[in-house]
Structure formats: structure tokens, C-alpha cells
N, C-alpha and C. Protein backbone atom coordinates (compact mmCIF):
# COMPACT_ATOMS: atom_id res chain seq x y z
N MET A 1 24.10 -7.93 -11.16
CA MET A 1 22.84 -6.96 -10.01
C MET A 1 22.21 -5.80 -10.88
N ILE A 2 22.75 -5.13 -10.93
CA ILE A 2 21.80 -4.03 -10.74
C ILE A 2 21.09 -3.93 -12.41
N LEU A 3 20.94 -4.56 -13.29
CA LEU A 3 20.14 -5.40 -14.67
C LEU A 3 19.34 -5.94 -13.03
N ASP A 4 19.62 -5.98 -12.46
CA ASP A 4 17.91 -7.30 -11.54
C ASP A 4 17.19 -6.19 -11.11
N ILE A 5 18.32 -5.08 -10.82
CA ILE A 5 17.21 -4.29 -9.73
C ILE A 5 16.09 -2.83 -10.60
N ILE A 6 17.04 -2.72 -12.10
CA ILE A 6 16.47 -2.69 -13.15
C ILE A 6 14.63 -3.06 -13.28
N ILE A 7 15.07 -4.33 -13.30
CA ILE A 7 13.80 -5.27 -14.00
C ILE A 7 13.27 -5.75 -13.18
N ASN A 8 13.25 -6.02 -11.85
CA ASN A 8 12.40 -5.74 -10.41
C ASN A 8 11.50 -4.34 -10.50
N GLY A 9 12.30 -2.48 -10.62
CA GLY A 9 11.47 -1.91 -10.75
C GLY A 9 11.02 -1.33 -11.69
N LEU A 10 10.76 -1.84 -13.65
CA LEU A 10 10.32 -2.27 -13.80
C LEU A 10 8.73 -2.79 -14.04
N ILE A 11 9.28 -3.87 -13.42
CA ILE A 11 7.71 -4.30 -13.46
C ILE A 11 6.89 -4.56 -11.53
N GLY A 12 7.37 -3.48 -10.99
CA GLY A 12 6.87 -2.96 -10.32
C GLY A 12 5.84 -1.88 -10.47
N GLY A 13 6.56 -1.43 -11.41
CA GLY A 13 5.72 0.29 -11.81
C GLY A 13 4.84 -0.25 -12.78
N SER A 14 5.50 -0.90 -13.96
CA SER A 14 4.36 -1.99 -14.13
C SER A 14 2.39 -2.38 -13.33
N ILE A 15 2.78 -3.20 -12.62
CA ILE A 15 1.39 -3.16 -11.60
C ILE A 15 1.31 -2.39 -11.06
N TYR A 16 1.93 -0.99 -10.98
CA TYR A 16 1.56 0.18 -9.66
C TYR A 16 0.49 0.93 -11.08
N ALA A 17 1.38 1.28 -12.49
CA ALA A 17 0.89 1.82 -13.46
C ALA A 17 -1.01 0.90 -13.50
N LEU A 18 -0.64 0.05 -13.40
CA LEU A 18 -2.12 -0.82 -14.10
C LEU A 18 -2.98 -0.52 -13.44
N LEU A 19 -2.46 -0.36 -11.82
CA LEU A 19 -3.75 -0.10 -10.90
C LEU A 19 -4.04 1.09 -11.02
N ALA A 20 -2.96 1.82 -11.39
CA ALA A 20 -3.89 4.12 -11.03
C ALA A 20 -4.82 3.69 -12.16
N ILE A 21 -4.05 2.90 -13.87
CA ILE A 21 -4.88 3.61 -14.34
C ILE A 21 -6.61 2.52 -14.84
N GLY A 22 -6.86 1.68 -13.80
CA GLY A 22 -7.78 0.86 -13.46
C GLY A 22 -8.93 2.20 -12.35
N PHE A 23 -8.01 1.78 -11.76
CA PHE A 23 -9.02 3.22 -11.01
C PHE A 23 -8.95 4.81 -11.70
N SER A 24 -8.39 5.47 -12.14
CA SER A 24 -8.32 6.56 -13.06
C SER A 24 -9.53 6.76 -14.04
N LEU A 25 -9.64 4.99 -14.76
CA LEU A 25 -10.19 4.63 -15.86
C LEU A 25 -11.83 4.15 -15.50
N ILE A 26 -12.10 3.84 -13.48
CA ILE A 26 -13.64 3.91 -13.31
C ILE A 26 -13.69 4.86 -12.92
N TYR A 27 -13.08 5.60 -11.64
CA TYR A 27 -13.31 7.35 -11.49
C TYR A 27 -13.69 8.09 -12.29
N GLY A 28 -13.69 8.41 -13.73
CA GLY A 28 -13.27 9.26 -15.33
C GLY A 28 -14.76 9.28 -15.13
N ILE A 29 -14.86 7.98 -15.74
CA ILE A 29 -16.32 6.91 -16.49
C ILE A 29 -18.02 7.21 -15.26
N ALA A 30 -17.42 6.27 -13.79
CA ALA A 30 -18.93 6.19 -13.32
C ALA A 30 -18.73 7.22 -12.02
N ARG A 31 -16.99 8.26 -11.95
CA ARG A 31 -17.26 9.57 -11.18
C ARG A 31 -17.48 9.30 -9.05
N ILE A 32 -17.03 7.61 -9.34
CA ILE A 32 -17.25 6.86 -8.05
C ILE A 32 -15.87 5.81 -7.80
N VAL A 33 -15.42 5.86 -6.37
CA VAL A 33 -13.79 5.65 -5.80
C VAL A 33 -14.33 4.14 -6.12
N ASN A 34 -14.51 3.11 -6.83
CA ASN A 34 -14.26 1.42 -6.65
C ASN A 34 -13.66 0.85 -6.73
N LEU A 35 -13.30 -0.22 -5.36
CA LEU A 35 -12.20 -0.96 -5.12
C LEU A 35 -12.20 -2.28 -4.95
N ALA A 36 -13.39 -2.44 -5.87
CA ALA A 36 -14.09 -3.48 -6.43
C ALA A 36 -12.71 -4.65 -7.43
N HIS A 37 -12.23 -4.02 -7.69
CA HIS A 37 -11.66 -4.52 -9.26
C HIS A 37 -9.82 -5.06 -8.43
N THR A 38 -9.88 -4.44 -7.63
CA THR A 38 -8.19 -4.56 -6.02
C THR A 38 -8.56 -6.48 -5.43
N ALA A 39 -9.51 -6.70 -5.33
CA ALA A 39 -10.04 -7.84 -5.43
C ALA A 39 -9.18 -9.50 -6.41
N PHE A 40 -8.82 -8.50 -7.34
CA PHE A 40 -8.94 -9.56 -9.02
C PHE A 40 -7.70 -9.50 -8.65
N TYR A 41 -6.44 -8.41 -8.93
CA TYR A 41 -5.31 -8.03 -8.31
C TYR A 41 -4.76 -8.75 -7.33
N MET A 42 -5.17 -9.41 -6.02
CA MET A 42 -5.20 -9.79 -4.61
C MET A 42 -5.09 -11.35 -5.07
N VAL A 43 -6.32 -11.84 -5.82
CA VAL A 43 -6.23 -13.10 -6.39
C VAL A 43 -5.15 -13.48 -6.78
N ALA A 44 -4.75 -12.61 -8.28
CA ALA A 44 -4.04 -13.03 -9.17
C ALA A 44 -2.45 -13.03 -8.49
N SER A 45 -2.19 -12.13 -7.20
CA SER A 45 -1.48 -11.78 -6.44
C SER A 45 -0.41 -13.54 -5.95
N TYR A 46 -1.77 -13.68 -5.05
CA TYR A 46 -1.66 -15.06 -4.67
C TYR A 46 -1.45 -16.49 -5.16
N CYS A 47 -1.55 -16.03 -6.91
CA CYS A 47 -2.14 -17.15 -7.53
C CYS A 47 -0.26 -16.82 -7.81
N ILE A 48 0.17 -16.22 -8.36
CA ILE A 48 1.05 -16.02 -9.00
C ILE A 48 2.45 -16.96 -7.47
N PHE A 49 2.17 -16.50 -6.47
CA PHE A 49 3.15 -16.88 -5.48
C PHE A 49 3.18 -18.41 -5.24
N VAL A 50 1.57 -19.32 -4.81
CA VAL A 50 2.11 -20.28 -4.76
C VAL A 50 1.71 -20.74 -5.86
N GLY A 51 2.08 -20.48 -7.44
CA GLY A 51 3.01 -20.80 -8.29
C GLY A 51 4.45 -20.51 -8.55
N THR A 52 4.71 -19.87 -7.40
CA THR A 52 6.36 -19.58 -7.62
C THR A 52 6.64 -20.28 -6.76
N SER A 53 6.22 -20.50 -5.12
CA SER A 53 6.93 -20.69 -4.38
C SER A 53 6.88 -22.47 -4.36
N LYS A 54 5.46 -23.43 -3.75
CA LYS A 54 4.96 -24.01 -4.26
C LYS A 54 5.05 -24.52 -4.94
N LEU A 55 4.91 -25.11 -6.39
CA LEU A 55 4.80 -25.32 -7.70
C LEU A 55 6.20 -25.49 -8.28
N GLY A 56 6.79 -24.57 -7.45
CA GLY A 56 8.67 -24.27 -8.50
C GLY A 56 8.04 -23.48 -10.10
N ILE A 57 7.41 -22.87 -10.53
CA ILE A 57 7.55 -22.51 -11.75
C ILE A 57 7.81 -21.22 -12.10
N HIS A 58 8.49 -20.75 -12.79
CA HIS A 58 9.13 -19.28 -13.74
C HIS A 58 8.12 -18.78 -13.45
N PRO A 59 8.92 -17.04 -12.49
CA PRO A 59 8.27 -15.97 -12.06
C PRO A 59 7.11 -15.19 -13.44
N GLY A 60 8.38 -15.77 -14.44
CA GLY A 60 8.06 -15.39 -15.86
C GLY A 60 6.73 -16.04 -15.94
N TRP A 61 6.82 -17.27 -16.08
CA TRP A 61 5.13 -17.97 -16.90
C TRP A 61 4.08 -17.63 -15.93
N ALA A 62 4.22 -17.77 -14.74
CA ALA A 62 3.42 -17.84 -14.05
C ALA A 62 2.29 -16.33 -13.96
N MET A 63 3.40 -15.59 -14.19
CA MET A 63 2.92 -14.07 -14.48
C MET A 63 1.89 -14.22 -15.38
């Protein structure tokens, strides 16, 4: 049970880190806050959700 919590925390933290790196990279280069790339994260999360819940694909393979 503790291993599941650690793995879920690492996965969630990695996703947040990826978002933060994307925001800081865009802001550092263009000096504007561009939220357009978050739409791709939303589409990817929806595809993972559909793949795991509707199609029965393992979450690791759906990513």
C-alpha cells in the first residue's frame, strides 16, 4: 500500500514538474504567460482516461 502511494506521488509530481518546466521555458524565452500548451495536456489526459476506463488499457501503456 505504501508503495502505491509513493508511485502515485511520483507520477503526479512528475506531471506537475513537466507543466512547470513548460511554463517557465515559455515565459523565459517570450516573456509572456502562454497557456495554449495546457490544451495539449488536457487532450492527453482525456485520451489516457478513455484508454484506461473505456478500452481497459493498462495506465502505463495508455501514457
